[in-house]
C-alpha atoms as a PDB file:
ATOM      1  CA  MET A   1      -0.499  22.645   4.301  1.00  0.00           C
ATOM      2  CA  LYS A   2       3.059  23.104   5.024  1.00  0.00           C
ATOM      3  CA  LYS A   3       5.509  21.842   2.630  1.00  0.00           C
ATOM      4  CA  LEU A   4       6.724  18.295   3.411  1.00  0.00           C
ATOM      5  CA  LEU A   5      10.355  18.832   4.421  1.00  0.00           C
ATOM      6  CA  PHE A   6      11.267  15.242   4.863  1.00  0.00           C
ATOM      7  CA  PHE A   7       9.467  12.092   3.801  1.00  0.00           C
ATOM      8  CA  THR A   8      10.734   8.659   3.812  1.00  0.00           C
ATOM      9  CA  PHE A   9       9.106   5.610   2.211  1.00  0.00           C
ATOM     10  CA  ALA A  10      10.085   2.027   2.531  1.00  0.00           C
ATOM     11  CA  LEU A  11       8.565  -0.610   0.375  1.00  0.00           C
ATOM     12  CA  LEU A  12       7.825  -3.659   2.341  1.00  0.00           C
ATOM     13  CA  ILE A  13       6.174  -6.657   0.973  1.00  0.00           C
ATOM     14  CA  THR A  14       4.997  -9.096   3.487  1.00  0.00           C
ATOM     15  CA  PHE A  15       3.490 -12.422   2.541  1.00  0.00           C
ATOM     16  CA  VAL A  16       2.609 -15.380   4.730  1.00  0.00           C
ATOM     17  CA  SER A  17       4.507 -18.394   3.758  1.00  0.00           C
ATOM     18  CA  SER A  18       1.780 -20.628   2.741  1.00  0.00           C
ATOM     19  CA  ALA A  19       1.267 -22.775  -0.548  1.00  0.00           C
ATOM     20  CA  THR A  20      -2.458 -22.374  -0.435  1.00  0.00           C
ATOM     21  CA  SER A  21      -4.584 -19.348  -0.919  1.00  0.00           C
ATOM     22  CA  ARG A  22      -6.380 -17.463   1.737  1.00  0.00           C
ATOM     23  CA  ASN A  23      -9.871 -16.379   1.016  1.00  0.00           C
ATOM     24  CA  TYR A  24     -11.178 -13.177   2.529  1.00  0.00           C
ATOM     25  CA  TYR A  25     -14.288 -12.232   0.620  1.00  0.00           C
ATOM     26  CA  ASP A  26     -15.647 -15.017  -1.773  1.00  0.00           C
ATOM     27  CA  GLU A  27     -14.648 -18.599  -2.085  1.00  0.00           C
ATOM     28  CA  SER A  28     -14.825 -18.429  -5.880  1.00  0.00           C
ATOM     29  CA  ASP A  29     -12.448 -15.645  -6.052  1.00  0.00           C
ATOM     30  CA  PRO A  30      -9.606 -15.988  -3.277  1.00  0.00           C
ATOM     31  CA  VAL A  31      -7.132 -13.366  -2.355  1.00  0.00           C
ATOM     32  CA  TYR A  32      -3.567 -14.749  -2.508  1.00  0.00           C
ATOM     33  CA  ARG A  33      -0.711 -14.148  -0.318  1.00  0.00           C
ATOM     34  CA  ASP A  34       1.871 -16.476  -2.015  1.00  0.00           C
ATOM     35  CA  GLU A  35       1.378 -16.372  -5.717  1.00  0.00           C
ATOM     36  CA  GLU A  36       3.827 -17.219  -8.410  1.00  0.00           C
ATOM     37  CA  GLN A  37       4.148 -13.630  -9.796  1.00  0.00           C
ATOM     38  CA  LYS A  38       3.745 -10.775  -7.536  1.00  0.00           C
ATOM     39  CA  PRO A  39       1.778  -7.643  -8.615  1.00  0.00           C
ATOM     40  CA  GLU A  40       3.847  -4.687  -9.675  1.00  0.00           C
ATOM     41  CA  PHE A  41       3.281  -0.873  -9.659  1.00  0.00           C
ATOM     42  CA  PRO A  42       3.849   0.682 -13.090  1.00  0.00           C
ATOM     43  CA  GLY A  43       7.530   1.064 -13.430  1.00  0.00           C
ATOM     44  CA  GLY A  44       8.408  -0.905 -10.378  1.00  0.00           C
ATOM     45  CA  ASP A  45       9.419  -0.059  -6.753  1.00  0.00           C
ATOM     46  CA  LYS A  46      11.349   3.000  -7.774  1.00  0.00           C
ATOM     47  CA  GLU A  47       8.265   4.483  -9.514  1.00  0.00           C
ATOM     48  CA  LEU A  48       6.080   3.669  -6.453  1.00  0.00           C
ATOM     49  CA  PHE A  49       8.433   5.631  -4.230  1.00  0.00           C
ATOM     50  CA  LYS A  50       8.291   8.519  -6.650  1.00  0.00           C
ATOM     51  CA  TYR A  51       4.439   8.367  -6.706  1.00  0.00           C
ATOM     52  CA  VAL A  52       4.128   8.352  -2.918  1.00  0.00           C
ATOM     53  CA  GLN A  53       6.619  11.307  -2.439  1.00  0.00           C
ATOM     54  CA  ALA A  54       4.804  13.321  -5.066  1.00  0.00           C
ATOM     55  CA  THR A  55       1.318  12.558  -3.830  1.00  0.00           C
ATOM     56  CA  ILE A  56       1.663  12.498  -0.098  1.00  0.00           C
ATOM     57  CA  LYS A  57       0.882  15.774   1.946  1.00  0.00           C
ATOM     58  CA  TYR A  58       1.998  15.952   5.586  1.00  0.00           C
ATOM     59  CA  PRO A  59      -1.336  17.083   7.378  1.00  0.00           C
ATOM     60  CA  THR A  60      -0.700  20.535   8.842  1.00  0.00           C
ATOM     61  CA  GLU A  61      -1.879  19.654  12.255  1.00  0.00           C
ATOM     62  CA  ALA A  62       0.253  16.673  12.521  1.00  0.00           C
ATOM     63  CA  TYR A  63       3.292  18.421  11.088  1.00  0.00           C
ATOM     64  CA  GLU A  64       2.933  21.298  13.681  1.00  0.00           C
ATOM     65  CA  GLN A  65       2.547  18.720  16.552  1.00  0.00           C
ATOM     66  CA  LYS A  66       5.486  16.901  15.229  1.00  0.00           C
ATOM     67  CA  ILE A  67       3.622  13.623  15.068  1.00  0.00           C
ATOM     68  CA  GLU A  68       5.525  11.162  12.989  1.00  0.00           C
ATOM     69  CA  GLY A  69       5.834   7.501  12.488  1.00  0.00           C
ATOM     70  CA  ARG A  70       5.207   4.511  10.099  1.00  0.00           C
ATOM     71  CA  VAL A  71       1.607   3.709   8.838  1.00  0.00           C
ATOM     72  CA  ILE A  72       1.297   0.146   7.646  1.00  0.00           C
ATOM     73  CA  VAL A  73      -1.359  -0.143   4.922  1.00  0.00           C
ATOM     74  CA  GLN A  74      -2.792  -3.282   3.563  1.00  0.00           C
ATOM     75  CA  PHE A  75      -4.728  -3.572   0.352  1.00  0.00           C
ATOM     76  CA  VAL A  76      -5.693  -5.925  -2.414  1.00  0.00           C
ATOM     77  CA  VAL A  77      -4.337  -5.690  -6.061  1.00  0.00           C
ATOM     78  CA  GLU A  78      -7.399  -6.891  -7.978  1.00  0.00           C
ATOM     79  CA  LYS A  79      -7.271  -8.874 -11.242  1.00  0.00           C
ATOM     80  CA  ASP A  80      -7.560  -5.746 -13.370  1.00  0.00           C
ATOM     81  CA  GLY A  81      -4.691  -3.951 -11.392  1.00  0.00           C
ATOM     82  CA  SER A  82      -7.014  -1.780  -9.532  1.00  0.00           C
ATOM     83  CA  ILE A  83      -6.801  -1.194  -5.598  1.00  0.00           C
ATOM     84  CA  SER A  84      -9.527  -2.353  -3.241  1.00  0.00           C
ATOM     85  CA  ASN A  85     -10.049  -3.117   0.413  1.00  0.00           C
ATOM     86  CA  VAL A  86      -7.642  -0.596   1.724  1.00  0.00           C
ATOM     87  CA  LYS A  87      -7.168  -0.611   5.495  1.00  0.00           C
ATOM     88  CA  VAL A  88      -4.601   0.504   8.063  1.00  0.00           C
ATOM     89  CA  VAL A  89      -3.114  -2.437   9.994  1.00  0.00           C
ATOM     90  CA  ARG A  90      -0.788  -0.303  12.135  1.00  0.00           C
ATOM     91  CA  LYS A  91      -1.978   3.055  13.178  1.00  0.00           C
ATOM     92  CA  ILE A  92       0.073   6.106  14.234  1.00  0.00           C
ATOM     93  CA  HIS A  93      -2.398   8.903  14.298  1.00  0.00           C
ATOM     94  CA  PRO A  94      -5.836   9.410  12.566  1.00  0.00           C
ATOM     95  CA  LEU A  95      -4.475  12.332  10.324  1.00  0.00           C
ATOM     96  CA  LEU A  96      -1.480  10.241   9.029  1.00  0.00           C
ATOM     97  CA  ASP A  97      -3.390   7.027   8.784  1.00  0.00           C
ATOM     98  CA  GLU A  98      -6.024   8.933   6.692  1.00  0.00           C
ATOM     99  CA  GLU A  99      -3.364  10.472   4.480  1.00  0.00           C
ATOM    100  CA  ALA A 100      -1.675   7.123   4.029  1.00  0.00           C
ATOM    101  CA  VAL A 101      -5.020   5.420   2.958  1.00  0.00           C
ATOM    102  CA  ARG A 102      -5.888   8.453   0.599  1.00  0.00           C
ATOM    103  CA  VAL A 103      -2.445   8.002  -1.156  1.00  0.00           C
ATOM    104  CA  ILE A 104      -2.765   4.231  -1.556  1.00  0.00           C
ATOM    105  CA  GLU A 105      -6.529   4.516  -2.805  1.00  0.00           C
ATOM    106  CA  ASN A 106      -5.629   6.898  -5.489  1.00  0.00           C
ATOM    107  CA  MET A 107      -2.703   4.784  -7.022  1.00  0.00           C
ATOM    108  CA  PRO A 108      -2.812   3.988 -10.669  1.00  0.00           C
ATOM    109  CA  LYS A 109      -3.568   0.501 -11.715  1.00  0.00           C
ATOM    110  CA  TRP A 110      -0.740  -2.061 -11.129  1.00  0.00           C
ATOM    111  CA  GLU A 111       0.159  -5.074 -13.094  1.00  0.00           C
ATOM    112  CA  PRO A 112      -1.798  -7.886 -11.236  1.00  0.00           C
ATOM    113  CA  GLY A 113      -0.319 -10.878  -9.597  1.00  0.00           C
ATOM    114  CA  ARG A 114      -0.603 -14.071 -11.480  1.00  0.00           C
ATOM    115  CA  GLN A 115      -1.025 -17.750 -10.616  1.00  0.00           C
ATOM    116  CA  ARG A 116      -0.757 -20.384 -13.251  1.00  0.00           C
ATOM    117  CA  GLY A 117      -0.641 -17.573 -15.943  1.00  0.00           C
ATOM    118  CA  LYS A 118      -3.869 -16.100 -14.819  1.00  0.00           C
ATOM    119  CA  ALA A 119      -4.384 -12.777 -13.044  1.00  0.00           C
ATOM    120  CA  VAL A 120      -5.383 -13.097  -9.382  1.00  0.00           C
ATOM    121  CA  ARG A 121      -6.238 -10.985  -6.506  1.00  0.00           C
ATOM    122  CA  VAL A 122      -3.288 -10.480  -4.202  1.00  0.00           C
ATOM    123  CA  GLN A 123      -3.032  -9.143  -0.692  1.00  0.00           C
ATOM    124  CA  TYR A 124      -0.113  -6.459  -0.416  1.00  0.00           C
ATOM    125  CA  ILE A 125       1.135  -4.435   2.487  1.00  0.00           C
ATOM    126  CA  VAL A 126       3.149  -1.212   2.170  1.00  0.00           C
ATOM    127  CA  PRO A 127       4.632   0.853   4.997  1.00  0.00           C
ATOM    128  CA  VAL A 128       4.375   4.688   4.650  1.00  0.00           C
ATOM    129  CA  SER A 129       6.757   6.630   6.860  1.00  0.00           C
ATOM    130  CA  PHE A 130       6.247  10.304   8.094  1.00  0.00           C
ATOM    131  CA  LYS A 131       9.079  12.120   9.538  1.00  0.00           C
ATOM    132  CA  VAL A 132       9.505  15.812  10.535  1.00  0.00           C
ATOM    133  CA  GLN A 133      12.877  17.236  10.331  1.00  0.00           C
END
């Protein structure tokens, strides 16, 4: 793989304004979008940026073809801080989409979100930008 010459990453947290939880999988264990305390990557946003920069590998074929753009990845931060249900909600190219998912799936555990003092499952969205320069 060619060395990544330029990589930008912007952290974007998107939550739907709603006072109620939204359940995606199990009525007894909802996934929140609007919780009292949001989940946090170990060390905060700055460390999340460092992690993504250090982990991402620009796919050779995409690099050579100068394919770039921003992949939007959605996932759930579980009660134990692990990551699940990773999916691309805005695709750019299969190679870039796959790399963004790989990086998100391999993140270390987060500090989970909380509702009324209890750890809860929280939906999270992160854009991962790829740019060739």
